[in-house]
Amino acid sequence: MLIVAMLMAAVIALMLGSYLNLNLNSARQAFRSFQGYAAINLVEAGAEEALWSFNRAAEGQANAWTGWSTSGSAAWRKFSDFDFTANTTGWVKAYVGNTAPAAGDAPKIVVLASVNPATGAPVTRMMELTLQKRSWFANGLVARKSITFNGNNTSVDSWNSDPDGDPTTAPIEYSEDVRNDEGTVASNEVDNTAALINQADIWGYVFTGGAQPQVGVNGSIRGADTPDGVSIDTSRIATDFNAEFQTIAAPTDGITIPTVGAVLGLPGVVTKWRTHSISLSGNQTLTILGDVTLVLTAPSGASALSMTGNAKLIIPDGSSLTLYAEGDVKVAGKGLANANVQPMTARFWGTNPTIGAQLLHIAGNGDLRAVVYAPNADVKINGNGNVMGSVVGNTITLTGNAAFHYDESLADFGDNAGFSISKWRELLTPAERALYADVFAGW
């Protein structure tokens, strides 16, 4: 009996020991998993710091890379002293190979993080992130607050003026043959007045921050995949839209001139000018030659650009205008005559920092081709022809019977825009990590 009892006690002890050992191993594995997730969090934090610096640099802030070590166009920085309790600490290193990418470049961020327990080997994670330029014009019509269609025959659709992505090839004119159903109308607002589609026909999508778009009896929201007989396609409506409306700062350089004559710029030449304001009336015209940037310094509440009567702003084929204004802009009269196919050749940047403190009114004589980024301005577009491009404003009102055509190539237009992450991958194998071993050594 004693021998049997001893054998049973030994078996029980062995089972308990195995159970305790299993629990201990499970606890260790759980702790290592926790450390692994903590390391991933550090990687993300390091990537966000680098992306923050990229976007501050895109805004022109001189201190964007302050605190980083630099050599040429490369920058690196270590963030340490992270405390995860239980005598576990962490650090993260971020490396950027090109802090000043050229247009079209896709810079990379590489991040290495380590979580170091009191006992046992550190847990490290490494990630490579590829960036791309965002676009202020990723959608057709975007309002911080309301967007309103007035008129009984207004419509929205899209086309791509540069379908091959090659700026050296001739751009494609809008026509029914190249018409697409990507004409996006969007509002950040949650109220029922966010998107007043009324009698307009939307060949694309409508997005709001929470409210259903208001569609009149003759209005529609449709696409190529919408069944026949359906005027409001709910699959093309979303109420979770959210956009960041960043104020753009005007350039501080350029040649200051007291007044602007009938012609500004030189054919084939890039020029930058500054003047207080421009006022055209009667039969006056202003012709833009070459690649012209014009900064109007009139303050908020004042008139920066005023065109009335038969006045006309002319942009011949091959020329372009980039206009910055904090004050009010009114291009009426015979309006904007842009002979170029692509709307990006006429760019209006509203720089007023106060929401609702700027008015921007653009009228077109026939076809109106332009892009407008004025997130704090109330934008009004008049026309009875084709309005082509993209518009971002505080409020947007389309009057007349214009047909709005969003140029899909604008989604790749990155002037003044920051960066976003286009793809990322975790570097897991020794071979993948070896590619960046030198850049993380010694610091």
Protein backbone atom coordinates (compact mmCIF):
# COMPACT_ATOMS: atom_id res chain seq x y z
CA MET A 1 0.00 0.00 0.00
CA LEU A 2 2.83 2.34 0.87
CA ILE A 3 4.56 1.68 -2.46
CA VAL A 4 1.31 2.26 -4.37
CA ALA A 5 0.72 5.54 -2.50
CA MET A 6 4.25 6.68 -3.28
CA LEU A 7 3.82 5.86 -6.97
CA MET A 8 0.53 7.77 -7.10
CA ALA A 9 2.12 10.75 -5.34
CA ALA A 10 4.98 10.69 -7.86
CA VAL A 11 2.54 10.59 -10.77
CA ILE A 12 0.56 13.48 -9.30
CA ALA A 13 3.75 15.45 -8.69
CA LEU A 14 4.85 14.80 -12.28
CA MET A 15 1.49 15.94 -13.60
CA LEU A 16 1.52 19.07 -11.43
CA GLY A 17 5.06 19.84 -12.51
CA SER A 18 4.12 19.46 -16.16
CA TYR A 19 1.07 21.64 -15.63
CA LEU A 20 3.07 24.35 -13.87
CA ASN A 21 5.73 24.19 -16.56
CA LEU A 22 3.02 24.52 -19.24
CA ASN A 23 1.56 27.55 -17.44
CA LEU A 24 5.01 29.07 -17.11
CA ASN A 25 5.71 28.58 -20.81
CA SER A 26 2.30 30.03 -21.67
CA ALA A 27 3.05 33.06 -19.49
CA ARG A 28 6.41 33.48 -21.19
CA GLN A 29 4.84 33.21 -24.64
CA ALA A 30 2.12 35.69 -23.69
CA PHE A 31 4.75 38.09 -22.39
CA ARG A 32 6.78 37.73 -25.59
CA SER A 33 3.62 38.37 -27.62
CA PHE A 34 2.97 41.47 -25.55
CA GLN A 35 6.52 42.62 -26.21
CA GLY A 36 6.07 41.95 -29.93
CA TYR A 37 2.91 44.09 -30.08
CA ALA A 38 4.67 46.78 -28.04
CA ALA A 39 7.48 46.78 -30.60
CA ILE A 40 4.96 47.18 -33.43
CA ASN A 41 3.45 50.16 -31.60
CA LEU A 42 6.92 51.69 -31.37
CA VAL A 43 7.47 51.11 -35.10
CA GLU A 44 4.23 52.92 -35.87
CA ALA A 45 5.19 55.79 -33.56
CA GLY A 46 8.55 56.17 -35.28
CA ALA A 47 6.91 56.11 -38.72
CA GLU A 48 4.41 58.77 -37.65
CA GLU A 49 7.23 61.04 -36.48
CA ALA A 50 8.98 60.72 -39.84
CA LEU A 51 5.74 61.24 -41.79
CA TRP A 52 4.98 64.30 -39.65
CA SER A 53 8.34 65.80 -40.61
CA PHE A 54 7.77 65.03 -44.29
CA ASN A 55 4.42 66.82 -44.26
CA ARG A 56 5.71 69.82 -42.28
CA ALA A 57 8.50 70.13 -44.85
CA ALA A 58 5.90 70.00 -47.65
CA GLU A 59 4.21 73.00 -45.98
CA GLY A 60 7.51 74.89 -46.12
CA GLN A 61 8.27 74.79 -42.38
CA ALA A 62 11.99 75.29 -41.88
CA ASN A 63 12.05 73.33 -38.61
CA ALA A 64 10.42 70.19 -40.04
CA TRP A 65 13.53 68.05 -39.47
CA THR A 66 14.73 69.75 -36.28
CA GLY A 67 16.01 67.13 -33.80
CA TRP A 68 17.00 64.72 -36.56
CA SER A 69 20.57 63.90 -37.51
CA THR A 70 21.17 64.61 -41.18
CA SER A 71 23.72 63.93 -43.88
CA GLY A 72 22.89 65.19 -47.34
CA SER A 73 19.25 64.29 -47.96
CA ALA A 74 19.25 61.45 -45.37
CA ALA A 75 17.91 61.86 -41.83
CA TRP A 76 17.70 59.59 -38.81
CA ARG A 77 16.52 59.83 -35.22
CA LYS A 78 16.26 57.61 -32.15
CA PHE A 79 13.41 57.84 -29.65
CA SER A 80 14.19 56.05 -26.39
CA ASP A 81 13.31 55.71 -22.68
CA PHE A 82 9.98 53.99 -23.29
CA ASP A 83 8.93 52.25 -20.06
CA PHE A 84 6.69 49.17 -20.27
CA THR A 85 6.99 48.40 -16.50
CA ALA A 86 8.35 45.11 -15.14
CA ASN A 87 11.87 46.43 -15.89
CA THR A 88 11.08 46.41 -19.62
CA THR A 89 12.18 49.35 -21.76
CA GLY A 90 12.08 50.18 -25.44
CA TRP A 91 13.46 52.38 -28.18
CA VAL A 92 12.74 53.07 -31.85
CA LYS A 93 14.97 54.28 -34.66
CA ALA A 94 13.61 55.94 -37.81
CA TYR A 95 15.65 56.41 -40.97
CA VAL A 96 14.74 58.42 -44.07
CA GLY A 97 16.91 58.16 -47.16
CA ASN A 98 15.55 61.23 -48.98
CA THR A 99 14.03 64.14 -47.07
CA ALA A 100 13.66 66.28 -50.21
CA PRO A 101 12.10 64.03 -52.86
CA ALA A 102 11.60 65.37 -56.36
CA ALA A 103 8.21 65.39 -58.04
CA GLY A 104 7.12 61.84 -58.73
CA ASP A 105 9.53 60.28 -56.21
CA ALA A 106 8.27 57.73 -53.68
CA PRO A 107 10.48 58.21 -50.59
CA LYS A 108 10.84 55.45 -48.00
CA ILE A 109 10.85 55.36 -44.22
CA VAL A 110 12.56 52.44 -42.47
CA VAL A 111 11.88 51.92 -38.77
CA LEU A 112 13.54 49.56 -36.27
CA ALA A 113 12.06 49.11 -32.78
CA SER A 114 13.30 47.07 -29.83
CA VAL A 115 11.58 46.07 -26.58
CA ASN A 116 14.10 44.99 -23.96
CA PRO A 117 12.95 42.88 -20.99
CA ALA A 118 14.98 42.51 -17.79
CA THR A 119 15.69 38.90 -18.71
CA GLY A 120 15.70 37.22 -22.06
CA ALA A 121 16.48 38.46 -25.56
CA PRO A 122 15.10 41.76 -26.87
CA VAL A 123 12.13 41.67 -29.25
CA THR A 124 12.76 43.67 -32.43
CA ARG A 125 10.49 44.61 -35.32
CA MET A 126 11.48 46.36 -38.53
CA MET A 127 9.24 47.92 -41.14
CA GLU A 128 9.71 49.62 -44.51
CA LEU A 129 7.10 52.18 -45.60
CA THR A 130 6.76 53.73 -49.05
CA LEU A 131 5.19 57.18 -49.33
CA GLN A 132 3.33 58.93 -52.10
CA LYS A 133 2.16 62.47 -52.60
CA ARG A 134 -1.41 63.10 -51.55
CA SER A 135 -3.62 65.22 -53.73
CA TRP A 136 -5.87 68.05 -52.69
CA PHE A 137 -7.99 67.06 -55.67
CA ALA A 138 -8.69 63.38 -55.09
CA ASN A 139 -12.42 64.12 -55.51
CA GLY A 140 -14.45 66.32 -57.81
CA LEU A 141 -16.34 68.67 -55.48
CA VAL A 142 -15.49 68.71 -51.75
CA ALA A 143 -17.00 71.04 -49.16
CA ARG A 144 -16.18 71.45 -45.51
CA LYS A 145 -19.84 72.33 -44.97
CA SER A 146 -22.57 72.37 -47.61
CA ILE A 147 -22.52 71.76 -51.31
CA THR A 148 -25.53 72.97 -53.31
CA PHE A 149 -26.60 72.45 -56.91
CA ASN A 150 -28.89 75.16 -58.28
CA GLY A 151 -30.38 74.80 -61.72
CA ASN A 152 -32.50 72.17 -63.40
CA ASN A 153 -29.91 70.69 -65.75
CA THR A 154 -26.70 70.51 -63.73
CA SER A 155 -24.72 67.29 -63.87
CA VAL A 156 -21.51 65.69 -62.60
CA ASP A 157 -19.32 63.02 -64.16
CA SER A 158 -15.60 62.46 -64.84
CA TRP A 159 -12.92 61.72 -67.41
CA ASN A 160 -9.16 61.30 -67.37
CA SER A 161 -7.16 63.87 -69.32
CA ASP A 162 -3.94 61.88 -68.84
CA PRO A 163 -4.88 58.18 -68.88
CA ASP A 164 -1.35 56.93 -69.59
CA GLY A 165 0.21 59.05 -66.83
CA ASP A 166 2.73 60.47 -69.31
CA PRO A 167 2.83 64.28 -69.35
CA THR A 168 4.70 64.24 -72.67
CA THR A 169 1.72 62.82 -74.56
CA ALA A 170 -1.14 65.00 -75.68
CA PRO A 171 -3.91 65.35 -73.06
CA ILE A 172 -7.38 63.98 -73.75
CA GLU A 173 -10.28 66.37 -74.19
CA TYR A 174 -13.53 65.59 -72.39
CA SER A 175 -16.19 63.99 -74.59
CA GLU A 176 -19.02 61.51 -74.26
CA ASP A 177 -16.65 58.83 -75.58
CA VAL A 178 -14.32 59.13 -72.56
CA ARG A 179 -16.97 59.87 -69.95
CA ASN A 180 -16.63 57.94 -66.65
CA ASP A 181 -18.75 57.51 -63.52
CA GLU A 182 -16.16 58.79 -60.99
CA GLY A 183 -17.57 62.25 -60.43
CA THR A 184 -17.38 62.40 -56.64
CA VAL A 185 -19.36 64.96 -54.64
CA ALA A 186 -18.43 65.12 -50.94
CA SER A 187 -19.17 67.10 -47.78
CA ASN A 188 -17.73 66.79 -44.27
CA GLU A 189 -21.00 68.05 -42.79
CA VAL A 190 -23.41 65.86 -40.83
CA ASP A 191 -26.51 68.07 -41.26
CA ASN A 192 -29.23 67.37 -43.81
CA THR A 193 -28.03 70.37 -45.83
CA ALA A 194 -24.63 68.74 -46.39
CA ALA A 195 -25.32 67.73 -49.98
CA LEU A 196 -28.25 69.39 -51.72
CA ILE A 197 -28.20 67.52 -55.01
CA ASN A 198 -31.66 68.85 -55.88
CA GLN A 199 -32.28 68.29 -59.62
CA ALA A 200 -28.68 67.51 -60.55
CA ASP A 201 -27.64 64.22 -62.14
CA ILE A 202 -24.59 62.71 -60.45
CA TRP A 203 -22.77 60.12 -62.56
CA GLY A 204 -20.53 58.96 -59.74
CA TYR A 205 -20.66 59.07 -55.93
CA VAL A 206 -21.95 61.27 -53.11
CA PHE A 207 -20.24 61.19 -49.70
CA THR A 208 -21.19 63.07 -46.53
CA GLY A 209 -20.08 63.16 -42.91
CA GLY A 210 -23.34 61.67 -41.68
CA ALA A 211 -26.39 62.94 -43.55
CA GLN A 212 -28.23 61.51 -46.51
CA PRO A 213 -27.97 63.66 -49.64
CA GLN A 214 -31.13 65.54 -50.58
CA VAL A 215 -32.18 64.60 -54.12
CA GLY A 216 -35.03 66.23 -56.02
CA VAL A 217 -37.67 64.40 -58.05
CA ASN A 218 -35.65 64.86 -61.23
CA GLY A 219 -32.24 64.35 -59.65
CA SER A 220 -30.20 61.15 -59.62
CA ILE A 221 -27.11 59.44 -58.21
CA ARG A 222 -26.07 56.68 -60.58
CA GLY A 223 -23.18 54.86 -62.20
CA ALA A 224 -22.45 52.45 -65.02
CA ASP A 225 -23.29 49.49 -62.76
CA THR A 226 -26.61 50.93 -61.54
CA PRO A 227 -29.64 48.87 -62.62
CA ASP A 228 -31.98 50.44 -65.13
CA GLY A 229 -34.88 52.30 -63.57
CA VAL A 230 -32.96 53.16 -60.34
CA SER A 231 -32.47 56.91 -59.92
CA ILE A 232 -30.78 56.83 -56.50
CA ASP A 233 -28.18 54.07 -56.21
CA THR A 234 -27.57 53.62 -52.46
CA SER A 235 -24.34 51.71 -53.16
CA ARG A 236 -22.94 55.01 -54.44
CA ILE A 237 -23.77 56.93 -51.26
CA ALA A 238 -21.67 56.88 -48.08
CA THR A 239 -22.14 58.81 -44.84
CA ASP A 240 -18.74 58.27 -43.23
CA PHE A 241 -16.73 60.80 -45.23
CA ASN A 242 -13.99 62.66 -43.37
CA ALA A 243 -11.39 64.97 -44.86
CA GLU A 244 -8.63 67.15 -43.48
CA PHE A 245 -8.86 70.74 -44.69
CA GLN A 246 -5.40 72.18 -44.38
CA THR A 247 -4.80 75.87 -44.98
CA ILE A 248 -2.21 76.62 -47.65
CA ALA A 249 0.34 79.41 -47.14
CA ALA A 250 1.22 81.67 -50.04
CA PRO A 251 4.85 81.84 -51.21
CA THR A 252 6.84 84.67 -49.66
CA ASP A 253 9.13 85.27 -52.64
CA GLY A 254 8.49 86.73 -56.08
CA ILE A 255 8.96 90.06 -57.84
CA THR A 256 6.78 92.79 -56.34
CA ILE A 257 5.02 94.98 -58.87
CA PRO A 258 2.69 97.93 -58.12
CA THR A 259 0.19 97.07 -60.86
CA VAL A 260 -0.47 94.37 -63.45
CA GLY A 261 -0.86 95.36 -67.10
CA ALA A 262 -2.62 93.59 -69.94
CA VAL A 263 0.02 90.84 -70.11
CA LEU A 264 1.80 89.03 -67.31
CA GLY A 265 4.73 86.68 -67.88
CA LEU A 266 6.85 85.61 -70.84
CA PRO A 267 6.21 82.72 -73.23
CA GLY A 268 7.97 79.56 -72.07
CA VAL A 269 9.38 81.22 -68.94
CA VAL A 270 8.63 80.47 -65.27
CA THR A 271 7.92 83.70 -63.38
CA LYS A 272 6.62 84.60 -59.93
CA TRP A 273 4.98 87.92 -59.11
CA ARG A 274 3.48 89.74 -56.12
CA THR A 275 1.01 92.59 -56.12
CA HIS A 276 -1.65 93.89 -53.76
CA SER A 277 -4.73 93.36 -55.95
CA ILE A 278 -6.07 93.39 -59.50
CA SER A 279 -9.22 95.09 -60.75
CA LEU A 280 -10.42 94.68 -64.34
CA SER A 281 -13.57 96.17 -65.83
CA GLY A 282 -15.11 97.14 -69.15
CA ASN A 283 -13.30 95.35 -71.98
CA GLN A 284 -10.02 94.97 -70.13
CA THR A 285 -8.19 91.66 -70.39
CA LEU A 286 -5.29 90.02 -68.59
CA THR A 287 -3.33 87.49 -70.63
CA ILE A 288 -1.02 85.00 -68.89
CA LEU A 289 2.12 83.95 -70.78
CA GLY A 290 4.41 81.16 -69.68
CA ASP A 291 4.21 79.50 -66.26
CA VAL A 292 3.05 82.30 -63.97
CA THR A 293 2.65 82.29 -60.19
CA LEU A 294 0.81 85.33 -58.88
CA VAL A 295 0.48 86.20 -55.18
CA LEU A 296 -2.20 88.76 -54.34
CA THR A 297 -1.38 90.26 -50.93
CA ALA A 298 -4.72 91.98 -50.24
CA PRO A 299 -5.78 90.97 -46.70
CA SER A 300 -8.87 89.15 -45.56
CA GLY A 301 -12.05 91.15 -46.23
CA ALA A 302 -10.48 93.13 -49.08
CA SER A 303 -10.83 92.50 -52.79
CA ALA A 304 -7.82 90.64 -54.17
CA LEU A 305 -9.11 90.07 -57.71
CA SER A 306 -12.17 91.70 -59.25
CA MET A 307 -13.33 91.30 -62.85
CA THR A 308 -16.58 92.83 -64.05
CA GLY A 309 -18.22 93.94 -67.28
CA ASN A 310 -16.63 92.22 -70.28
CA ALA A 311 -13.28 91.74 -68.56
CA LYS A 312 -11.53 88.47 -69.28
CA LEU A 313 -8.66 86.45 -67.80
CA ILE A 314 -6.97 84.64 -70.70
CA ILE A 315 -4.64 81.65 -70.40
CA PRO A 316 -3.46 80.61 -73.88
CA ASP A 317 -2.61 77.03 -74.73
CA GLY A 318 0.81 76.20 -73.30
CA SER A 319 0.65 78.76 -70.48
CA SER A 320 -0.51 78.30 -66.88
CA LEU A 321 -1.51 80.38 -63.87
CA THR A 322 -1.12 79.61 -60.18
CA LEU A 323 -2.87 82.26 -58.09
CA TYR A 324 -2.71 82.70 -54.31
CA ALA A 325 -5.10 85.04 -52.52
CA GLU A 326 -6.26 85.67 -48.96
CA GLY A 327 -8.77 88.31 -49.97
CA ASP A 328 -11.90 87.89 -52.05
CA VAL A 329 -11.68 86.74 -55.67
CA LYS A 330 -14.31 87.50 -58.29
CA VAL A 331 -13.68 86.37 -61.85
CA ALA A 332 -16.91 87.46 -63.53
CA GLY A 333 -17.53 89.40 -66.73
CA LYS A 334 -16.49 87.10 -69.55
CA GLY A 335 -14.68 85.11 -66.90
CA LEU A 336 -11.82 82.73 -67.19
CA ALA A 337 -10.82 81.68 -70.70
CA ASN A 338 -8.38 78.80 -70.30
CA ALA A 339 -7.42 77.38 -73.72
CA ASN A 340 -5.58 74.40 -72.21
CA VAL A 341 -7.16 70.96 -72.09
CA GLN A 342 -6.10 70.19 -68.52
CA PRO A 343 -7.75 72.13 -65.66
CA MET A 344 -4.56 72.06 -63.57
CA THR A 345 -3.23 74.85 -65.78
CA ALA A 346 -5.42 77.31 -63.84
CA ARG A 347 -4.95 76.89 -60.09
CA PHE A 348 -6.64 79.05 -57.47
CA TRP A 349 -5.33 78.68 -53.92
CA GLY A 350 -7.34 80.37 -51.17
CA THR A 351 -5.00 81.15 -48.28
CA ASN A 352 -7.41 82.75 -45.82
CA PRO A 353 -6.87 81.10 -42.40
CA THR A 354 -10.38 81.85 -41.06
CA ILE A 355 -13.31 79.63 -41.97
CA GLY A 356 -15.91 81.52 -43.99
CA ALA A 357 -13.81 84.70 -44.27
CA GLN A 358 -13.15 84.50 -48.01
CA LEU A 359 -15.43 84.69 -51.05
CA LEU A 360 -14.40 83.11 -54.34
CA HIS A 361 -16.61 83.54 -57.39
CA ILE A 362 -15.61 82.14 -60.79
CA ALA A 363 -17.61 82.41 -63.99
CA GLY A 364 -16.74 80.90 -67.31
CA ASN A 365 -17.42 81.96 -70.88
CA GLY A 366 -18.14 78.60 -72.49
CA ASP A 367 -15.88 75.92 -71.06
CA LEU A 368 -14.38 76.67 -67.64
CA ARG A 369 -11.22 74.73 -66.79
CA ALA A 370 -9.70 75.28 -63.33
CA VAL A 371 -8.91 73.73 -59.98
CA VAL A 372 -9.76 75.53 -56.76
CA TYR A 373 -8.42 74.77 -53.29
CA ALA A 374 -9.90 77.28 -50.84
CA PRO A 375 -10.97 75.26 -47.76
CA ASN A 376 -12.06 78.34 -45.80
CA ALA A 377 -13.79 80.14 -48.67
CA ASP A 378 -17.39 80.17 -49.82
CA VAL A 379 -17.05 79.20 -53.47
CA LYS A 380 -19.59 80.03 -56.14
CA ILE A 381 -19.27 78.74 -59.70
CA ASN A 382 -21.40 80.13 -62.49
CA GLY A 383 -21.71 78.76 -65.96
CA ASN A 384 -23.98 77.25 -68.53
CA GLY A 385 -21.33 75.23 -70.30
CA ASN A 386 -18.77 72.68 -69.18
CA VAL A 387 -16.98 73.18 -65.86
CA MET A 388 -13.90 70.96 -65.71
CA GLY A 389 -11.51 70.30 -62.84
CA SER A 390 -11.94 70.02 -59.07
CA VAL A 391 -13.10 72.35 -56.29
CA VAL A 392 -12.46 72.29 -52.53
CA GLY A 393 -14.15 74.94 -50.39
CA ASN A 394 -15.93 75.72 -47.16
CA THR A 395 -19.24 75.87 -49.02
CA ILE A 396 -19.72 75.25 -52.74
CA THR A 397 -22.64 76.52 -54.81
CA LEU A 398 -23.04 75.71 -58.49
CA THR A 399 -25.49 77.93 -60.32
CA GLY A 400 -26.70 77.92 -63.88
CA ASN A 401 -26.98 74.73 -65.91
CA ALA A 402 -23.34 73.75 -65.95
CA ALA A 403 -22.09 70.22 -66.46
CA PHE A 404 -19.22 69.53 -64.05
CA HIS A 405 -16.54 67.09 -65.20
CA TYR A 406 -13.95 65.90 -62.69
CA ASP A 407 -10.52 65.24 -64.20
CA GLU A 408 -9.34 61.94 -62.67
CA SER A 409 -5.70 62.76 -63.44
CA LEU A 410 -5.87 65.35 -60.65
CA ALA A 411 -5.69 62.51 -58.12
CA ASP A 412 -1.95 62.39 -58.97
CA PHE A 413 -1.46 66.16 -58.72
CA GLY A 414 0.66 66.78 -55.61
CA ASP A 415 1.63 70.47 -55.62
CA ASN A 416 1.55 71.80 -52.03
CA ALA A 417 0.24 68.44 -50.80
CA GLY A 418 1.74 66.27 -48.09
CA PHE A 419 2.57 62.59 -48.14
CA SER A 420 0.61 59.48 -47.23
CA ILE A 421 1.63 55.84 -46.90
CA SER A 422 1.06 53.95 -50.13
CA LYS A 423 2.40 50.59 -48.95
CA TRP A 424 4.28 49.01 -46.09
CA ARG A 425 5.91 45.69 -45.34
CA GLU A 426 7.47 44.19 -42.25
CA LEU A 427 11.04 43.02 -42.71
CA LEU A 428 11.14 39.55 -41.16
CA THR A 429 14.02 37.61 -42.68
CA PRO A 430 17.73 38.22 -41.97
CA ALA A 431 18.26 38.95 -45.67
CA GLU A 432 15.60 41.68 -45.68
CA ARG A 433 16.98 43.26 -42.52
CA ALA A 434 20.56 43.09 -43.77
CA LEU A 435 19.68 45.68 -46.45
CA TYR A 436 19.41 48.32 -43.71
CA ALA A 437 21.94 46.98 -41.20
CA ASP A 438 24.44 49.75 -41.92
CA VAL A 439 22.00 52.64 -41.56
CA PHE A 440 20.92 51.50 -38.08
CA ALA A 441 24.44 50.75 -36.80
CA GLY A 442 26.22 52.97 -34.27
CA TRP A 443 23.45 55.20 -33.00
